[in-house]
């Protein structure tokens, strides 16, 4: 018996729900065809304007990226290569300076030796 009573209650609840549902639909204020058209046009217009703004901003940021950030990257990369080549040049000039100093020192040593030899020859005579 309890199952039959439960089923009856569920059936009553379903019927009551449907009656309430229909009553609510009768209370809804449906738009007229003119209102519906106006509201549809307004929504489509707002969507198109928003899409245009997003497109313009996307194009502007992409252009800034293409012409601004990418150029900065190439400038930074080129400055890094210039700095690294300057470091090599400085190292090369330092080694050249060392070689020149060594050559100068050797030449001075040779001159000193020649001078000492000449003096010793002059003394012997």
N, C-alpha and C. Protein backbone atom coordinates (compact mmCIF):
# COMPACT_ATOMS: atom_id res chain seq x y z
N UNK A 1 0.78 -1.20 0.00
CA UNK A 1 0.00 0.00 0.00
C UNK A 1 0.83 1.28 0.00
N UNK A 2 1.92 1.29 0.70
CA UNK A 2 2.69 2.53 0.71
C UNK A 2 3.16 2.93 -0.69
N UNK A 3 3.41 1.97 -1.55
CA UNK A 3 3.86 2.31 -2.90
C UNK A 3 2.75 3.01 -3.68
N UNK A 4 1.51 2.58 -3.52
CA UNK A 4 0.40 3.19 -4.22
C UNK A 4 0.20 4.63 -3.76
N UNK A 5 0.33 4.84 -2.47
CA UNK A 5 0.16 6.20 -1.95
C UNK A 5 1.27 7.13 -2.46
N UNK A 6 2.47 6.60 -2.52
CA UNK A 6 3.60 7.38 -3.02
C UNK A 6 3.39 7.73 -4.49
N UNK A 7 2.93 6.77 -5.26
CA UNK A 7 2.67 7.01 -6.67
C UNK A 7 1.58 8.06 -6.86
N UNK A 8 0.53 8.02 -6.05
CA UNK A 8 -0.55 8.99 -6.14
C UNK A 8 -0.04 10.40 -5.83
N UNK A 9 0.81 10.50 -4.82
CA UNK A 9 1.37 11.80 -4.46
C UNK A 9 2.24 12.35 -5.60
N UNK A 10 3.03 11.46 -6.19
CA UNK A 10 3.90 11.90 -7.30
C UNK A 10 3.06 12.36 -8.49
N UNK A 11 1.99 11.64 -8.77
CA UNK A 11 1.11 12.03 -9.88
C UNK A 11 0.45 13.38 -9.61
N UNK A 12 0.02 13.58 -8.37
CA UNK A 12 -0.60 14.85 -8.01
C UNK A 12 0.42 15.99 -8.14
N UNK A 13 1.67 15.71 -7.70
CA UNK A 13 2.72 16.74 -7.78
C UNK A 13 3.02 17.08 -9.24
N UNK A 14 3.05 16.06 -10.10
CA UNK A 14 3.31 16.31 -11.52
C UNK A 14 2.19 17.14 -12.13
N UNK A 15 0.94 16.81 -11.81
CA UNK A 15 -0.19 17.57 -12.34
C UNK A 15 -0.16 19.00 -11.81
N UNK A 16 0.18 19.16 -10.55
CA UNK A 16 0.24 20.47 -9.94
C UNK A 16 1.37 21.30 -10.59
N UNK A 17 2.48 20.64 -10.85
CA UNK A 17 3.61 21.32 -11.49
C UNK A 17 3.20 21.83 -12.88
N UNK A 18 2.53 20.99 -13.65
CA UNK A 18 2.12 21.39 -14.99
C UNK A 18 1.13 22.55 -14.95
N UNK A 19 0.22 22.54 -13.99
CA UNK A 19 -0.74 23.63 -13.86
C UNK A 19 -0.01 24.93 -13.52
N UNK A 20 0.97 24.86 -12.58
CA UNK A 20 1.75 26.05 -12.21
C UNK A 20 2.57 26.56 -13.39
N UNK A 21 3.12 25.62 -14.14
CA UNK A 21 3.93 25.98 -15.30
C UNK A 21 3.10 26.73 -16.32
N UNK A 22 1.92 26.24 -16.64
CA UNK A 22 1.03 26.91 -17.59
C UNK A 22 0.60 28.27 -17.07
N UNK A 23 0.36 28.36 -15.78
CA UNK A 23 -0.07 29.63 -15.19
C UNK A 23 1.05 30.67 -15.31
N UNK A 24 2.28 30.24 -15.07
CA UNK A 24 3.42 31.16 -15.20
C UNK A 24 3.59 31.63 -16.64
N UNK A 25 3.42 30.71 -17.59
CA UNK A 25 3.56 31.10 -19.00
C UNK A 25 2.49 32.11 -19.40
N UNK A 26 1.32 32.05 -18.78
CA UNK A 26 0.28 33.02 -19.10
C UNK A 26 0.62 34.40 -18.54
N UNK A 27 1.39 34.45 -17.46
CA UNK A 27 1.77 35.72 -16.84
C UNK A 27 2.92 36.42 -17.58
N UNK A 28 3.65 35.67 -18.42
CA UNK A 28 4.79 36.24 -19.12
C UNK A 28 4.30 37.29 -20.10
N UNK A 29 5.01 38.40 -20.14
CA UNK A 29 4.68 39.46 -21.09
C UNK A 29 5.56 39.22 -22.32
N UNK A 30 4.94 38.76 -23.37
CA UNK A 30 5.67 38.45 -24.59
C UNK A 30 5.84 39.72 -25.41
N UNK A 31 7.03 39.88 -26.03
CA UNK A 31 7.23 41.10 -26.83
C UNK A 31 6.43 41.05 -28.13
N UNK A 32 6.09 42.24 -28.59
CA UNK A 32 5.40 42.33 -29.88
C UNK A 32 6.44 42.09 -30.98
N UNK A 33 6.01 41.77 -32.17
CA UNK A 33 6.99 41.58 -33.26
C UNK A 33 7.87 42.81 -33.48
N UNK A 34 7.32 44.02 -33.30
CA UNK A 34 8.12 45.22 -33.47
C UNK A 34 9.19 45.31 -32.38
N UNK A 35 8.82 45.03 -31.12
CA UNK A 35 9.79 45.04 -30.03
C UNK A 35 10.88 43.98 -30.25
N UNK A 36 10.44 42.83 -30.71
CA UNK A 36 11.39 41.75 -30.97
C UNK A 36 12.40 42.16 -32.03
N UNK A 37 11.92 42.79 -33.09
CA UNK A 37 12.81 43.26 -34.16
C UNK A 37 13.78 44.32 -33.63
N UNK A 38 13.26 45.29 -32.86
CA UNK A 38 14.10 46.35 -32.32
C UNK A 38 15.18 45.78 -31.39
N UNK A 39 14.78 44.88 -30.52
CA UNK A 39 15.75 44.29 -29.59
C UNK A 39 16.80 43.45 -30.33
N UNK A 40 16.38 42.73 -31.35
CA UNK A 40 17.32 41.92 -32.14
C UNK A 40 18.32 42.81 -32.86
N UNK A 41 17.84 43.89 -33.46
CA UNK A 41 18.73 44.82 -34.15
C UNK A 41 19.71 45.45 -33.15
N UNK A 42 19.22 45.80 -31.97
CA UNK A 42 20.09 46.41 -30.95
C UNK A 42 21.20 45.44 -30.53
N UNK A 43 20.85 44.18 -30.32
CA UNK A 43 21.84 43.18 -29.90
C UNK A 43 22.87 42.96 -31.01
N UNK A 44 22.41 42.81 -32.23
CA UNK A 44 23.34 42.59 -33.35
C UNK A 44 24.25 43.80 -33.54
N UNK A 45 23.73 45.01 -33.39
CA UNK A 45 24.54 46.22 -33.52
C UNK A 45 25.63 46.27 -32.44
N UNK A 46 25.27 45.97 -31.21
CA UNK A 46 26.25 45.99 -30.13
C UNK A 46 27.33 44.92 -30.37
N UNK A 47 26.94 43.76 -30.84
CA UNK A 47 27.91 42.70 -31.13
C UNK A 47 28.86 43.13 -32.25
N UNK A 48 28.35 43.75 -33.29
CA UNK A 48 29.20 44.20 -34.41
C UNK A 48 30.16 45.29 -33.96
N UNK A 49 29.67 46.24 -33.17
CA UNK A 49 30.54 47.32 -32.67
C UNK A 49 31.64 46.74 -31.78
N UNK A 50 31.29 45.82 -30.90
CA UNK A 50 32.29 45.19 -30.03
C UNK A 50 33.31 44.42 -30.85
N UNK A 51 32.85 43.70 -31.86
CA UNK A 51 33.78 42.95 -32.72
C UNK A 51 34.71 43.89 -33.45
N UNK A 52 34.20 45.03 -33.92
CA UNK A 52 35.05 46.01 -34.62
C UNK A 52 36.11 46.58 -33.68
N UNK A 53 35.73 46.90 -32.45
CA UNK A 53 36.69 47.42 -31.47
C UNK A 53 37.77 46.40 -31.18
N UNK A 54 37.38 45.15 -30.97
CA UNK A 54 38.36 44.09 -30.70
C UNK A 54 39.28 43.91 -31.91
N UNK A 55 38.74 43.94 -33.12
CA UNK A 55 39.56 43.80 -34.33
C UNK A 55 40.57 44.93 -34.44
N UNK A 56 40.12 46.16 -34.20
CA UNK A 56 41.02 47.32 -34.29
C UNK A 56 42.13 47.22 -33.25
N UNK A 57 41.77 46.88 -32.02
CA UNK A 57 42.79 46.73 -30.98
C UNK A 57 43.76 45.60 -31.30
N UNK A 58 43.25 44.49 -31.80
CA UNK A 58 44.11 43.37 -32.16
C UNK A 58 45.08 43.78 -33.27
N UNK A 59 44.58 44.48 -34.27
CA UNK A 59 45.43 44.94 -35.37
C UNK A 59 46.48 45.93 -34.88
N UNK A 60 46.08 46.83 -33.99
CA UNK A 60 47.02 47.83 -33.46
C UNK A 60 48.13 47.16 -32.65
N UNK A 61 47.75 46.23 -31.76
CA UNK A 61 48.77 45.56 -30.95
C UNK A 61 49.67 44.68 -31.80
N UNK A 62 49.11 44.05 -32.81
CA UNK A 62 49.94 43.22 -33.70
C UNK A 62 50.93 44.09 -34.47
N UNK A 63 50.47 45.26 -34.91
CA UNK A 63 51.37 46.19 -35.62
C UNK A 63 52.47 46.68 -34.69
N UNK A 64 52.10 47.01 -33.46
CA UNK A 64 53.12 47.44 -32.49
C UNK A 64 54.12 46.32 -32.25
N UNK A 65 53.64 45.11 -32.19
CA UNK A 65 54.52 43.97 -31.98
C UNK A 65 55.45 43.80 -33.18
N UNK A 66 54.89 43.89 -34.36
CA UNK A 66 55.67 43.66 -35.58
C UNK A 66 56.70 44.76 -35.78
N UNK A 67 56.30 46.02 -35.61
CA UNK A 67 57.19 47.13 -35.91
C UNK A 67 57.94 47.65 -34.69
N UNK A 68 57.46 47.36 -33.51
CA UNK A 68 58.10 47.89 -32.32
C UNK A 68 58.95 46.87 -31.60
N UNK A 69 58.33 45.84 -31.10
CA UNK A 69 59.04 44.86 -30.28
C UNK A 69 60.03 44.06 -31.11
N UNK A 70 59.65 43.66 -32.31
CA UNK A 70 60.57 42.90 -33.15
C UNK A 70 61.79 43.75 -33.53
N UNK A 71 61.58 45.04 -33.79
CA UNK A 71 62.72 45.90 -34.10
C UNK A 71 63.62 46.06 -32.88
N UNK A 72 63.00 46.17 -31.69
CA UNK A 72 63.81 46.24 -30.48
C UNK A 72 64.63 44.98 -30.29
N UNK A 73 64.01 43.83 -30.58
CA UNK A 73 64.74 42.57 -30.46
C UNK A 73 65.94 42.54 -31.41
N UNK A 74 65.74 42.98 -32.64
CA UNK A 74 66.84 42.98 -33.60
C UNK A 74 67.92 43.97 -33.18
N UNK A 75 67.51 45.11 -32.61
CA UNK A 75 68.49 46.08 -32.14
C UNK A 75 69.30 45.52 -30.98
N UNK A 76 68.62 44.83 -30.06
CA UNK A 76 69.32 44.24 -28.92
C UNK A 76 70.25 43.14 -29.40
N UNK A 77 69.78 42.31 -30.32
CA UNK A 77 70.63 41.25 -30.85
C UNK A 77 71.84 41.82 -31.58
N UNK A 78 71.62 42.87 -32.37
CA UNK A 78 72.75 43.46 -33.10
C UNK A 78 73.72 44.14 -32.14
N UNK A 79 73.20 44.76 -31.08
CA UNK A 79 74.10 45.39 -30.10
C UNK A 79 74.89 44.33 -29.34
N UNK A 80 74.28 43.17 -29.09
CA UNK A 80 75.00 42.08 -28.43
C UNK A 80 76.12 41.56 -29.32
N UNK A 81 75.87 41.46 -30.61
CA UNK A 81 76.92 40.98 -31.51
C UNK A 81 78.01 42.02 -31.65
N UNK A 82 77.66 43.30 -31.64
CA UNK A 82 78.66 44.37 -31.71
C UNK A 82 79.53 44.34 -30.45
N UNK A 83 78.89 44.17 -29.28
CA UNK A 83 79.65 44.11 -28.04
C UNK A 83 80.58 42.92 -28.03
N UNK A 84 80.10 41.78 -28.50
CA UNK A 84 80.96 40.60 -28.51
C UNK A 84 82.10 40.77 -29.51
N UNK A 85 81.86 41.44 -30.64
CA UNK A 85 82.94 41.68 -31.59
C UNK A 85 83.92 42.72 -31.02
N UNK A 86 83.43 43.68 -30.25
CA UNK A 86 84.31 44.65 -29.61
C UNK A 86 85.20 43.97 -28.59
N UNK A 87 84.66 43.01 -27.88
CA UNK A 87 85.45 42.28 -26.91
C UNK A 87 86.56 41.54 -27.62
N UNK A 88 86.26 40.94 -28.74
CA UNK A 88 87.28 40.24 -29.51
C UNK A 88 88.31 41.22 -30.01
N UNK A 89 87.89 42.37 -30.47
CA UNK A 89 88.80 43.40 -30.97
C UNK A 89 89.70 43.89 -29.84
N UNK A 90 89.13 44.10 -28.67
CA UNK A 90 89.92 44.54 -27.53
C UNK A 90 90.95 43.48 -27.18
N UNK A 91 90.54 42.21 -27.17
CA UNK A 91 91.47 41.14 -26.88
C UNK A 91 92.57 41.08 -27.93
N UNK A 92 92.20 41.24 -29.19
CA UNK A 92 93.18 41.21 -30.26
C UNK A 92 94.14 42.39 -30.14
N UNK A 93 93.61 43.57 -29.84
CA UNK A 93 94.47 44.74 -29.71
C UNK A 93 95.38 44.59 -28.50
N UNK A 94 94.89 43.95 -27.45
CA UNK A 94 95.72 43.72 -26.27
C UNK A 94 96.86 42.78 -26.62
N UNK A 95 96.57 41.73 -27.36
CA UNK A 95 97.63 40.79 -27.73
C UNK A 95 98.58 41.44 -28.72
N UNK A 96 98.05 42.32 -29.61
CA UNK A 96 98.93 43.04 -30.53
C UNK A 96 99.83 44.00 -29.75
N UNK A 97 99.27 44.66 -28.76
CA UNK A 97 100.06 45.57 -27.93
C UNK A 97 101.16 44.79 -27.23
N UNK A 98 100.83 43.63 -26.71
CA UNK A 98 101.82 42.81 -26.03
C UNK A 98 102.91 42.41 -27.01
N UNK A 99 102.52 42.03 -28.21
CA UNK A 99 103.51 41.64 -29.21
C UNK A 99 104.39 42.82 -29.58
N UNK A 100 103.80 44.00 -29.73
CA UNK A 100 104.57 45.19 -30.06
C UNK A 100 105.54 45.54 -28.94
N UNK A 101 105.06 45.40 -27.69
CA UNK A 101 105.94 45.68 -26.55
C UNK A 101 107.11 44.70 -26.53
N UNK A 102 106.81 43.43 -26.80
CA UNK A 102 107.87 42.44 -26.83
C UNK A 102 108.88 42.75 -27.93
N UNK A 103 108.36 43.13 -29.12
CA UNK A 103 109.25 43.49 -30.23
C UNK A 103 110.10 44.70 -29.86
N UNK A 104 109.46 45.69 -29.21
CA UNK A 104 110.18 46.88 -28.80
C UNK A 104 111.25 46.53 -27.77
N UNK A 105 110.88 45.67 -26.82
CA UNK A 105 111.83 45.25 -25.80
C UNK A 105 113.00 44.49 -26.42
N UNK A 106 112.70 43.64 -27.39
CA UNK A 106 113.75 42.88 -28.06
C UNK A 106 114.66 43.82 -28.84
N UNK A 107 114.05 44.81 -29.52
CA UNK A 107 114.85 45.76 -30.28
C UNK A 107 115.73 46.57 -29.34
N UNK A 108 115.18 46.99 -28.23
CA UNK A 108 115.96 47.76 -27.24
C UNK A 108 117.09 46.90 -26.70
N UNK A 109 116.79 45.63 -26.46
CA UNK A 109 117.83 44.73 -25.96
C UNK A 109 118.92 44.56 -27.00
N UNK A 110 118.53 44.44 -28.28
CA UNK A 110 119.52 44.31 -29.35
C UNK A 110 120.38 45.56 -29.45
N UNK A 111 119.72 46.73 -29.38
CA UNK A 111 120.47 47.99 -29.45
C UNK A 111 121.43 48.11 -28.28
N UNK A 112 120.94 47.71 -27.10
CA UNK A 112 121.80 47.77 -25.92
C UNK A 112 123.00 46.85 -26.10
N UNK A 113 122.75 45.68 -26.63
CA UNK A 113 123.83 44.73 -26.86
C UNK A 113 124.80 45.29 -27.88
N UNK A 114 124.29 45.87 -28.95
CA UNK A 114 125.14 46.47 -29.97
C UNK A 114 125.94 47.63 -29.39
N UNK A 115 125.30 48.44 -28.59
CA UNK A 115 125.98 49.58 -27.99
C UNK A 115 127.09 49.09 -27.06
N UNK A 116 126.78 48.10 -26.27
CA UNK A 116 127.78 47.55 -25.35
C UNK A 116 128.93 46.95 -26.15
N UNK A 117 128.62 46.27 -27.24
CA UNK A 117 129.66 45.66 -28.07
C UNK A 117 130.53 46.75 -28.69
N UNK A 118 129.94 47.81 -29.19
CA UNK A 118 130.69 48.89 -29.79
C UNK A 118 131.59 49.57 -28.76
N UNK A 119 131.04 49.77 -27.56
CA UNK A 119 131.83 50.40 -26.51
C UNK A 119 133.02 49.54 -26.12
N UNK A 120 132.75 48.24 -26.06
CA UNK A 120 133.85 47.34 -25.70
C UNK A 120 134.91 47.31 -26.80
N UNK A 121 134.48 47.44 -28.06
CA UNK A 121 135.43 47.50 -29.16
C UNK A 121 136.23 48.80 -29.08
N UNK A 122 135.57 49.89 -28.76
CA UNK A 122 136.24 51.17 -28.65
C UNK A 122 137.24 51.16 -27.49
N UNK A 123 136.90 50.51 -26.43
CA UNK A 123 137.77 50.45 -25.26
C UNK A 123 139.01 49.63 -25.61
N UNK A 124 138.85 48.57 -26.33
CA UNK A 124 139.98 47.70 -26.69
C UNK A 124 140.92 48.41 -27.60
N UNK A 125 140.46 49.27 -28.43
CA UNK A 125 141.34 49.93 -29.36
C UNK A 125 142.14 50.92 -28.64
